[in-house]
Amino acid sequence: MSSLPRPEPAHAPLPPGTPAPDFRLPATPDQTVTLAELRGRPVILAFYPADWSPVCGDQMALYNQLLPEFQRQGAQLIGISVDGVWCHAAFAEQRHLHFPLLADFEPKGAVARQFGAYREHDGVCERALFVIDAQGIVRWSYLSPLGINPGADGILDALSRLPRTGAAEVTP
C-alpha cells in the first residue's frame, strides 16, 4: 500500500540570511510601528491567523509570559495578523498582552506576503515565526501548522545564537 504524496507548501517563509523587508503597520488607530525603527536590537515577528482563535490565544499568552526572557536577550516581540486595530486592542486587553499587535489589515496581508507568511486561500496569516538580528537580517524562520502552537524553544534558541551588542542589552 502506498501513501499519497503530501502537497508541497505553496510558499515558504523568508529563509535565514535574507534582509527582512521593512514595513509600517498600525499598532493603534493613531500609532504605527516600522521594522526600521527597531533596528539595533533583535526583533521577534510572530505572524498568527486570528486574535480570538484558541491556539493563537494560547501562543500569544505564552509569549507574554516569556517577555522578561525576550527582554533579557534584548529582543522586541511583535505579533502580526490581518485583524484590525480595534480587534487587536480588545484581544490584548482580554489576554493581558504587553507587546504590540500590528494590523496587517489593509491591504490585507501585504506584510505577511512579503515574509512568505500569508495563506491566500484562507485570507489569514500563517503561523510563522521570524527572529531578525539587530542589522535587520532574518536569522531564523519557522512555519508551523495552523492548529499547532509552535511554542518558544526555536525563538529562544535563535536568540541565544545572536551576537550580543551593547545596544541590544536590556537590564531586567
N, C-alpha and C. Protein backbone atom coordinates (compact mmCIF):
# COMPACT_ATOMS: atom_id res chain seq x y z
N MET A 1 0.85 -1.17 0.00
CA MET A 1 0.00 0.00 0.00
C MET A 1 0.90 1.24 0.00
N SER A 2 0.67 2.12 -0.94
CA SER A 2 1.48 3.33 -1.00
C SER A 2 0.71 4.50 -0.39
N SER A 3 1.44 5.39 0.20
CA SER A 3 0.79 6.57 0.77
C SER A 3 0.71 7.65 -0.30
N LEU A 4 -0.29 8.48 -0.18
CA LEU A 4 -0.46 9.58 -1.13
C LEU A 4 0.61 10.63 -0.88
N PRO A 5 1.13 11.22 -1.93
CA PRO A 5 2.14 12.28 -1.72
C PRO A 5 1.51 13.48 -1.03
N ARG A 6 2.27 14.04 -0.15
CA ARG A 6 1.80 15.24 0.55
C ARG A 6 2.04 16.44 -0.34
N PRO A 7 1.06 17.35 -0.42
CA PRO A 7 1.27 18.53 -1.25
C PRO A 7 2.36 19.42 -0.66
N GLU A 8 3.14 19.97 -1.54
CA GLU A 8 4.17 20.91 -1.11
C GLU A 8 3.52 22.23 -0.74
N PRO A 9 4.06 22.93 0.26
CA PRO A 9 3.50 24.24 0.57
C PRO A 9 3.65 25.17 -0.64
N ALA A 10 2.68 26.03 -0.82
CA ALA A 10 2.70 26.96 -1.95
C ALA A 10 3.82 27.99 -1.79
N HIS A 11 4.28 28.18 -0.58
CA HIS A 11 5.31 29.18 -0.31
C HIS A 11 6.08 28.76 0.93
N ALA A 12 7.15 29.44 1.19
CA ALA A 12 7.95 29.19 2.37
C ALA A 12 8.29 30.52 3.01
N PRO A 13 8.51 30.52 4.31
CA PRO A 13 8.89 31.78 4.96
C PRO A 13 10.27 32.23 4.49
N LEU A 14 10.53 33.53 4.60
CA LEU A 14 11.85 34.05 4.25
C LEU A 14 12.92 33.24 4.98
N PRO A 15 13.92 32.78 4.28
CA PRO A 15 14.95 31.95 4.92
C PRO A 15 15.99 32.80 5.65
N PRO A 16 16.73 32.16 6.57
CA PRO A 16 17.82 32.85 7.24
C PRO A 16 18.81 33.41 6.22
N GLY A 17 19.35 34.59 6.56
CA GLY A 17 20.30 35.27 5.69
C GLY A 17 19.64 36.31 4.80
N THR A 18 18.31 36.33 4.76
CA THR A 18 17.57 37.28 3.93
C THR A 18 17.36 38.59 4.68
N PRO A 19 17.60 39.74 4.05
CA PRO A 19 17.23 41.00 4.70
C PRO A 19 15.71 41.05 4.89
N ALA A 20 15.28 41.39 6.08
CA ALA A 20 13.85 41.48 6.38
C ALA A 20 13.27 42.72 5.70
N PRO A 21 12.18 42.58 4.96
CA PRO A 21 11.58 43.76 4.33
C PRO A 21 11.06 44.73 5.39
N ASP A 22 11.31 46.00 5.18
CA ASP A 22 10.77 46.99 6.11
C ASP A 22 9.27 47.09 5.89
N PHE A 23 8.57 47.51 6.92
CA PHE A 23 7.12 47.70 6.82
C PHE A 23 6.70 48.77 7.81
N ARG A 24 5.50 49.28 7.60
CA ARG A 24 4.84 50.21 8.52
C ARG A 24 3.44 49.68 8.71
N LEU A 25 3.10 49.31 9.95
CA LEU A 25 1.76 48.80 10.25
C LEU A 25 1.20 49.50 11.49
N PRO A 26 -0.13 49.65 11.53
CA PRO A 26 -0.73 50.27 12.71
C PRO A 26 -0.71 49.35 13.93
N ALA A 27 -0.36 49.94 15.07
CA ALA A 27 -0.42 49.27 16.37
C ALA A 27 -1.68 49.71 17.12
N THR A 28 -2.11 50.93 16.85
CA THR A 28 -3.34 51.51 17.40
C THR A 28 -3.93 52.36 16.28
N PRO A 29 -5.12 52.91 16.48
CA PRO A 29 -5.69 53.75 15.41
C PRO A 29 -4.80 54.94 15.02
N ASP A 30 -3.94 55.40 15.93
CA ASP A 30 -3.13 56.58 15.61
C ASP A 30 -1.63 56.38 15.79
N GLN A 31 -1.17 55.14 15.91
CA GLN A 31 0.25 54.86 16.05
C GLN A 31 0.66 53.73 15.12
N THR A 32 1.80 53.91 14.48
CA THR A 32 2.33 52.85 13.62
C THR A 32 3.70 52.41 14.13
N VAL A 33 4.09 51.24 13.69
CA VAL A 33 5.40 50.70 14.01
C VAL A 33 6.06 50.33 12.69
N THR A 34 7.35 50.67 12.56
CA THR A 34 8.11 50.22 11.39
C THR A 34 9.21 49.29 11.87
N LEU A 35 9.58 48.38 11.02
CA LEU A 35 10.68 47.49 11.36
C LEU A 35 11.98 48.28 11.46
N ALA A 36 12.14 49.28 10.59
CA ALA A 36 13.37 50.08 10.58
C ALA A 36 13.61 50.78 11.92
N GLU A 37 12.54 51.23 12.58
CA GLU A 37 12.74 51.94 13.85
C GLU A 37 13.19 51.00 14.97
N LEU A 38 13.12 49.71 14.76
CA LEU A 38 13.56 48.74 15.75
C LEU A 38 14.99 48.25 15.49
N ARG A 39 15.61 48.76 14.42
CA ARG A 39 16.98 48.38 14.08
C ARG A 39 17.87 48.65 15.28
N GLY A 40 18.88 47.81 15.45
CA GLY A 40 19.80 47.97 16.57
C GLY A 40 19.51 46.97 17.68
N ARG A 41 18.42 46.25 17.55
CA ARG A 41 18.11 45.21 18.53
C ARG A 41 17.41 44.06 17.81
N PRO A 42 17.48 42.86 18.34
CA PRO A 42 16.76 41.75 17.71
C PRO A 42 15.25 41.95 17.77
N VAL A 43 14.56 41.43 16.78
CA VAL A 43 13.11 41.51 16.71
C VAL A 43 12.56 40.11 16.47
N ILE A 44 11.52 39.79 17.21
CA ILE A 44 10.79 38.53 17.01
C ILE A 44 9.46 38.91 16.36
N LEU A 45 9.23 38.42 15.15
CA LEU A 45 7.94 38.61 14.49
C LEU A 45 7.16 37.31 14.62
N ALA A 46 5.97 37.39 15.20
CA ALA A 46 5.09 36.23 15.35
C ALA A 46 3.83 36.49 14.54
N PHE A 47 3.79 35.98 13.31
CA PHE A 47 2.59 36.05 12.49
C PHE A 47 1.62 34.97 12.98
N TYR A 48 0.34 35.32 13.07
CA TYR A 48 -0.65 34.35 13.54
C TYR A 48 -1.97 34.59 12.83
N PRO A 49 -2.82 33.55 12.72
CA PRO A 49 -4.03 33.65 11.91
C PRO A 49 -5.10 34.61 12.42
N ALA A 50 -5.45 34.54 13.71
CA ALA A 50 -6.59 35.34 14.18
C ALA A 50 -6.52 35.55 15.69
N ASP A 51 -6.91 36.74 16.12
CA ASP A 51 -6.86 37.08 17.53
C ASP A 51 -7.60 36.10 18.44
N TRP A 52 -8.80 35.73 18.09
CA TRP A 52 -9.65 35.02 19.05
C TRP A 52 -9.64 33.51 18.88
N SER A 53 -8.76 32.97 18.05
CA SER A 53 -8.73 31.51 17.93
C SER A 53 -8.03 30.93 19.16
N PRO A 54 -8.43 29.74 19.59
CA PRO A 54 -7.83 29.17 20.81
C PRO A 54 -6.32 28.98 20.73
N VAL A 55 -5.81 28.47 19.62
CA VAL A 55 -4.36 28.24 19.51
C VAL A 55 -3.62 29.57 19.54
N CYS A 56 -4.12 30.56 18.81
CA CYS A 56 -3.46 31.87 18.79
C CYS A 56 -3.45 32.51 20.18
N GLY A 57 -4.57 32.40 20.88
CA GLY A 57 -4.64 32.96 22.23
C GLY A 57 -3.61 32.32 23.15
N ASP A 58 -3.49 31.00 23.07
CA ASP A 58 -2.51 30.30 23.90
C ASP A 58 -1.08 30.67 23.51
N GLN A 59 -0.83 30.77 22.20
CA GLN A 59 0.51 31.11 21.73
C GLN A 59 0.91 32.51 22.20
N MET A 60 0.02 33.50 22.03
CA MET A 60 0.35 34.86 22.43
C MET A 60 0.48 34.97 23.95
N ALA A 61 -0.33 34.22 24.70
CA ALA A 61 -0.22 34.22 26.16
C ALA A 61 1.13 33.65 26.60
N LEU A 62 1.59 32.59 25.92
CA LEU A 62 2.89 32.01 26.24
C LEU A 62 3.99 33.05 26.00
N TYR A 63 3.94 33.73 24.86
CA TYR A 63 4.97 34.72 24.55
C TYR A 63 4.92 35.87 25.56
N ASN A 64 3.72 36.23 26.00
CA ASN A 64 3.59 37.27 27.01
C ASN A 64 4.28 36.85 28.30
N GLN A 65 4.13 35.59 28.69
CA GLN A 65 4.80 35.07 29.89
C GLN A 65 6.32 35.10 29.73
N LEU A 66 6.79 34.92 28.50
CA LEU A 66 8.22 34.88 28.24
C LEU A 66 8.83 36.25 27.93
N LEU A 67 8.03 37.30 27.99
CA LEU A 67 8.56 38.65 27.69
C LEU A 67 9.81 38.99 28.50
N PRO A 68 9.86 38.70 29.81
CA PRO A 68 11.09 39.03 30.55
C PRO A 68 12.33 38.34 29.96
N GLU A 69 12.17 37.09 29.50
CA GLU A 69 13.31 36.39 28.90
C GLU A 69 13.69 37.01 27.56
N PHE A 70 12.69 37.34 26.74
CA PHE A 70 12.98 38.00 25.46
C PHE A 70 13.69 39.33 25.72
N GLN A 71 13.24 40.07 26.72
CA GLN A 71 13.85 41.36 27.04
C GLN A 71 15.27 41.18 27.55
N ARG A 72 15.53 40.14 28.34
CA ARG A 72 16.90 39.86 28.80
C ARG A 72 17.83 39.62 27.61
N GLN A 73 17.28 39.09 26.54
CA GLN A 73 18.06 38.84 25.32
C GLN A 73 18.10 40.09 24.43
N GLY A 74 17.45 41.18 24.89
CA GLY A 74 17.46 42.44 24.15
C GLY A 74 16.46 42.50 23.01
N ALA A 75 15.54 41.53 22.92
CA ALA A 75 14.64 41.42 21.77
C ALA A 75 13.29 42.09 21.99
N GLN A 76 12.75 42.61 20.89
CA GLN A 76 11.39 43.17 20.86
C GLN A 76 10.48 42.15 20.19
N LEU A 77 9.40 41.79 20.86
CA LEU A 77 8.40 40.88 20.32
C LEU A 77 7.29 41.67 19.65
N ILE A 78 6.88 41.24 18.46
CA ILE A 78 5.78 41.87 17.72
C ILE A 78 4.86 40.76 17.21
N GLY A 79 3.57 40.88 17.48
CA GLY A 79 2.57 39.98 16.90
C GLY A 79 1.95 40.63 15.68
N ILE A 80 1.67 39.86 14.63
CA ILE A 80 1.07 40.40 13.41
C ILE A 80 0.00 39.45 12.91
N SER A 81 -1.19 40.00 12.66
CA SER A 81 -2.26 39.25 11.99
C SER A 81 -3.04 40.21 11.11
N VAL A 82 -3.99 39.67 10.36
CA VAL A 82 -4.80 40.50 9.47
C VAL A 82 -5.99 41.13 10.19
N ASP A 83 -6.13 40.89 11.48
CA ASP A 83 -7.19 41.53 12.25
C ASP A 83 -6.93 43.04 12.35
N GLY A 84 -7.98 43.81 12.54
CA GLY A 84 -7.87 45.26 12.65
C GLY A 84 -7.40 45.70 14.03
N VAL A 85 -7.07 46.99 14.13
CA VAL A 85 -6.52 47.52 15.38
C VAL A 85 -7.50 47.41 16.55
N TRP A 86 -8.79 47.58 16.31
CA TRP A 86 -9.76 47.51 17.40
C TRP A 86 -9.89 46.08 17.91
N CYS A 87 -9.84 45.13 17.01
CA CYS A 87 -9.87 43.71 17.39
C CYS A 87 -8.62 43.39 18.21
N HIS A 88 -7.46 43.87 17.74
CA HIS A 88 -6.21 43.66 18.49
C HIS A 88 -6.30 44.27 19.88
N ALA A 89 -6.85 45.47 19.98
CA ALA A 89 -6.94 46.14 21.28
C ALA A 89 -7.79 45.33 22.26
N ALA A 90 -8.92 44.83 21.80
CA ALA A 90 -9.79 44.04 22.67
C ALA A 90 -9.12 42.72 23.06
N PHE A 91 -8.47 42.07 22.10
CA PHE A 91 -7.77 40.81 22.35
C PHE A 91 -6.64 41.02 23.35
N ALA A 92 -5.81 42.04 23.14
CA ALA A 92 -4.68 42.32 24.03
C ALA A 92 -5.17 42.63 25.45
N GLU A 93 -6.26 43.37 25.55
CA GLU A 93 -6.80 43.70 26.88
C GLU A 93 -7.32 42.44 27.57
N GLN A 94 -8.06 41.63 26.85
CA GLN A 94 -8.64 40.41 27.44
C GLN A 94 -7.56 39.41 27.85
N ARG A 95 -6.49 39.32 27.07
CA ARG A 95 -5.41 38.36 27.35
C ARG A 95 -4.26 38.99 28.15
N HIS A 96 -4.37 40.28 28.48
CA HIS A 96 -3.35 41.00 29.26
C HIS A 96 -1.98 40.95 28.58
N LEU A 97 -1.98 41.18 27.27
CA LEU A 97 -0.74 41.14 26.49
C LEU A 97 0.00 42.47 26.62
N HIS A 98 1.32 42.40 26.71
CA HIS A 98 2.15 43.59 26.92
C HIS A 98 3.19 43.76 25.81
N PHE A 99 2.80 43.44 24.59
CA PHE A 99 3.65 43.66 23.43
C PHE A 99 2.75 44.08 22.28
N PRO A 100 3.31 44.77 21.28
CA PRO A 100 2.47 45.29 20.19
C PRO A 100 1.90 44.18 19.31
N LEU A 101 0.63 44.37 18.95
CA LEU A 101 -0.03 43.55 17.94
C LEU A 101 -0.28 44.47 16.76
N LEU A 102 0.28 44.14 15.62
CA LEU A 102 0.16 45.00 14.45
C LEU A 102 -0.88 44.46 13.49
N ALA A 103 -1.61 45.38 12.87
CA ALA A 103 -2.72 45.04 11.98
C ALA A 103 -2.27 45.06 10.52
N ASP A 104 -2.11 43.89 9.95
CA ASP A 104 -1.78 43.73 8.53
C ASP A 104 -3.11 43.64 7.76
N PHE A 105 -3.92 44.66 7.96
CA PHE A 105 -5.33 44.65 7.59
C PHE A 105 -5.60 45.18 6.19
N GLU A 106 -4.96 46.29 5.83
CA GLU A 106 -5.25 46.90 4.53
C GLU A 106 -4.00 47.53 3.95
N PRO A 107 -3.51 47.08 2.82
CA PRO A 107 -4.06 45.96 2.06
C PRO A 107 -3.83 44.65 2.81
N LYS A 108 -4.87 43.84 2.84
CA LYS A 108 -4.91 42.64 3.66
C LYS A 108 -3.73 41.71 3.37
N GLY A 109 -2.96 41.48 4.44
CA GLY A 109 -1.86 40.52 4.35
C GLY A 109 -0.65 40.97 3.56
N ALA A 110 -0.53 42.25 3.26
CA ALA A 110 0.58 42.73 2.42
C ALA A 110 1.95 42.42 3.06
N VAL A 111 2.08 42.64 4.35
CA VAL A 111 3.36 42.38 5.02
C VAL A 111 3.58 40.87 5.14
N ALA A 112 2.55 40.14 5.50
CA ALA A 112 2.67 38.69 5.59
C ALA A 112 3.14 38.11 4.25
N ARG A 113 2.62 38.63 3.15
CA ARG A 113 3.04 38.15 1.83
C ARG A 113 4.55 38.38 1.63
N GLN A 114 5.05 39.54 2.05
CA GLN A 114 6.48 39.84 1.89
C GLN A 114 7.35 38.85 2.65
N PHE A 115 6.83 38.33 3.75
CA PHE A 115 7.59 37.39 4.58
C PHE A 115 7.30 35.93 4.23
N GLY A 116 6.46 35.70 3.20
CA GLY A 116 6.09 34.33 2.85
C GLY A 116 5.21 33.70 3.90
N ALA A 117 4.36 34.51 4.54
CA ALA A 117 3.56 34.06 5.68
C ALA A 117 2.08 34.38 5.52
N TYR A 118 1.55 34.26 4.30
CA TYR A 118 0.13 34.55 4.07
C TYR A 118 -0.53 33.36 3.41
N ARG A 119 -1.69 32.99 3.90
CA ARG A 119 -2.49 31.89 3.34
C ARG A 119 -3.55 32.49 2.43
N GLU A 120 -3.22 32.59 1.17
CA GLU A 120 -4.10 33.24 0.19
C GLU A 120 -5.49 32.63 0.18
N HIS A 121 -5.59 31.32 0.18
CA HIS A 121 -6.89 30.66 0.09
C HIS A 121 -7.74 30.82 1.35
N ASP A 122 -7.12 31.15 2.49
CA ASP A 122 -7.86 31.34 3.74
C ASP A 122 -7.99 32.81 4.12
N GLY A 123 -7.16 33.67 3.52
CA GLY A 123 -7.21 35.09 3.84
C GLY A 123 -6.68 35.44 5.22
N VAL A 124 -5.75 34.61 5.74
CA VAL A 124 -5.16 34.87 7.06
C VAL A 124 -3.64 34.68 6.98
N CYS A 125 -2.98 35.14 8.02
CA CYS A 125 -1.54 34.90 8.13
C CYS A 125 -1.30 33.44 8.49
N GLU A 126 -0.18 32.93 8.03
CA GLU A 126 0.31 31.65 8.50
C GLU A 126 0.71 31.81 9.97
N ARG A 127 0.93 30.68 10.62
CA ARG A 127 1.53 30.71 11.95
C ARG A 127 3.04 30.61 11.70
N ALA A 128 3.67 31.78 11.57
CA ALA A 128 5.08 31.84 11.17
C ALA A 128 5.86 32.71 12.15
N LEU A 129 7.07 32.29 12.42
CA LEU A 129 7.95 32.99 13.35
C LEU A 129 9.24 33.40 12.66
N PHE A 130 9.72 34.58 13.03
CA PHE A 130 10.98 35.09 12.49
C PHE A 130 11.77 35.72 13.62
N VAL A 131 13.06 35.43 13.67
CA VAL A 131 13.99 36.17 14.54
C VAL A 131 14.89 36.95 13.60
N ILE A 132 14.87 38.27 13.79
CA ILE A 132 15.62 39.20 12.95
C ILE A 132 16.70 39.83 13.82
N ASP A 133 17.93 39.86 13.31
CA ASP A 133 19.02 40.41 14.12
C ASP A 133 19.00 41.93 14.13
N ALA A 134 19.92 42.51 14.87
CA ALA A 134 19.97 43.97 15.05
C ALA A 134 20.24 44.72 13.74
N GLN A 135 20.77 44.03 12.74
CA GLN A 135 21.04 44.66 11.44
C GLN A 135 19.90 44.45 10.45
N GLY A 136 18.83 43.79 10.87
CA GLY A 136 17.67 43.60 10.01
C GLY A 136 17.72 42.36 9.12
N ILE A 137 18.53 41.38 9.49
CA ILE A 137 18.67 40.14 8.71
C ILE A 137 17.90 39.02 9.42
N VAL A 138 17.10 38.28 8.65
CA VAL A 138 16.41 37.12 9.21
C VAL A 138 17.47 36.09 9.61
N ARG A 139 17.46 35.69 10.86
CA ARG A 139 18.43 34.70 11.36
C ARG A 139 17.76 33.35 11.61
N TRP A 140 16.43 33.33 11.73
CA TRP A 140 15.70 32.09 11.94
C TRP A 140 14.26 32.32 11.50
N SER A 141 13.69 31.32 10.84
CA SER A 141 12.27 31.39 10.48
C SER A 141 11.67 30.01 10.60
N TYR A 142 10.37 29.98 10.89
CA TYR A 142 9.69 28.71 11.09
C TYR A 142 8.22 28.87 10.72
N LEU A 143 7.71 27.92 9.96
CA LEU A 143 6.31 27.89 9.58
C LEU A 143 5.68 26.69 10.28
N SER A 144 4.72 26.96 11.16
CA SER A 144 4.07 25.92 11.94
C SER A 144 2.71 25.58 11.33
N PRO A 145 2.24 24.36 11.48
CA PRO A 145 0.86 24.07 11.08
C PRO A 145 -0.10 24.99 11.84
N LEU A 146 -1.19 25.39 11.19
CA LEU A 146 -2.11 26.34 11.80
C LEU A 146 -2.64 25.88 13.16
N GLY A 147 -2.90 24.60 13.30
CA GLY A 147 -3.52 24.10 14.52
C GLY A 147 -2.55 23.76 15.63
N ILE A 148 -1.28 24.09 15.46
CA ILE A 148 -0.27 23.72 16.46
C ILE A 148 0.46 24.97 16.97
N ASN A 149 0.47 25.11 18.28
CA ASN A 149 1.22 26.19 18.92
C ASN A 149 2.71 25.83 18.80
N PRO A 150 3.50 26.66 18.11
CA PRO A 150 4.92 26.32 17.93
C PRO A 150 5.76 26.50 19.18
N GLY A 151 5.19 27.04 20.24
CA GLY A 151 5.96 27.25 21.45
C GLY A 151 7.04 28.30 21.24
N ALA A 152 8.05 28.29 22.11
CA ALA A 152 9.07 29.33 22.07
C ALA A 152 10.49 28.79 22.03
N ASP A 153 10.66 27.47 22.04
CA ASP A 153 12.02 26.92 22.07
C ASP A 153 12.85 27.38 20.89
N GLY A 154 12.28 27.38 19.68
CA GLY A 154 13.01 27.82 18.49
C GLY A 154 13.42 29.28 18.59
N ILE A 155 12.52 30.10 19.09
CA ILE A 155 12.81 31.54 19.27
C ILE A 155 13.97 31.71 20.25
N LEU A 156 13.86 31.06 21.40
CA LEU A 156 14.89 31.21 22.43
C LEU A 156 16.24 30.70 21.94
N ASP A 157 16.25 29.59 21.21
CA ASP A 157 17.49 29.06 20.66
C ASP A 157 18.10 30.05 19.66
N ALA A 158 17.25 30.60 18.77
CA ALA A 158 17.75 31.55 17.78
C ALA A 158 18.29 32.80 18.45
N LEU A 159 17.61 33.30 19.47
CA LEU A 159 18.10 34.49 20.18
C LEU A 159 19.43 34.21 20.86
N SER A 160 19.58 33.02 21.42
CA SER A 160 20.83 32.69 22.12
C SER A 160 22.02 32.62 21.17
N ARG A 161 21.76 32.42 19.89
CA ARG A 161 22.83 32.31 18.89
C ARG A 161 23.22 33.68 18.29
N LEU A 162 22.42 34.71 18.58
CA LEU A 162 22.76 36.04 18.05
C LEU A 162 23.91 36.64 18.84
N PRO A 163 24.79 37.37 18.16
CA PRO A 163 25.84 38.07 18.91
C PRO A 163 25.23 39.15 19.78
N ARG A 164 25.74 39.27 20.98
CA ARG A 164 25.24 40.30 21.91
C ARG A 164 25.98 41.61 21.63
N THR A 165 25.21 42.68 21.58
CA THR A 165 25.81 44.02 21.43
C THR A 165 25.31 44.87 22.57
N GLY A 166 26.05 45.86 22.91
CA GLY A 166 25.65 46.77 23.98
C GLY A 166 24.29 47.40 23.72
N ALA A 167 23.99 47.73 22.47
CA ALA A 167 22.71 48.37 22.13
C ALA A 167 21.55 47.42 22.35
N ALA A 168 21.79 46.11 22.28
CA ALA A 168 20.69 45.16 22.38
C ALA A 168 20.45 44.71 23.81
N GLU A 169 21.38 45.01 24.71
CA GLU A 169 21.21 44.51 26.07
C GLU A 169 20.23 45.38 26.83
N VAL A 170 19.40 44.69 27.60
CA VAL A 170 18.38 45.36 28.41
C VAL A 170 18.58 44.90 29.85
N THR A 171 18.54 45.81 30.77
CA THR A 171 18.66 45.44 32.17
C THR A 171 17.29 45.05 32.70
N PRO A 172 17.21 43.92 33.41
CA PRO A 172 15.91 43.49 33.92
C PRO A 172 15.34 44.41 34.97
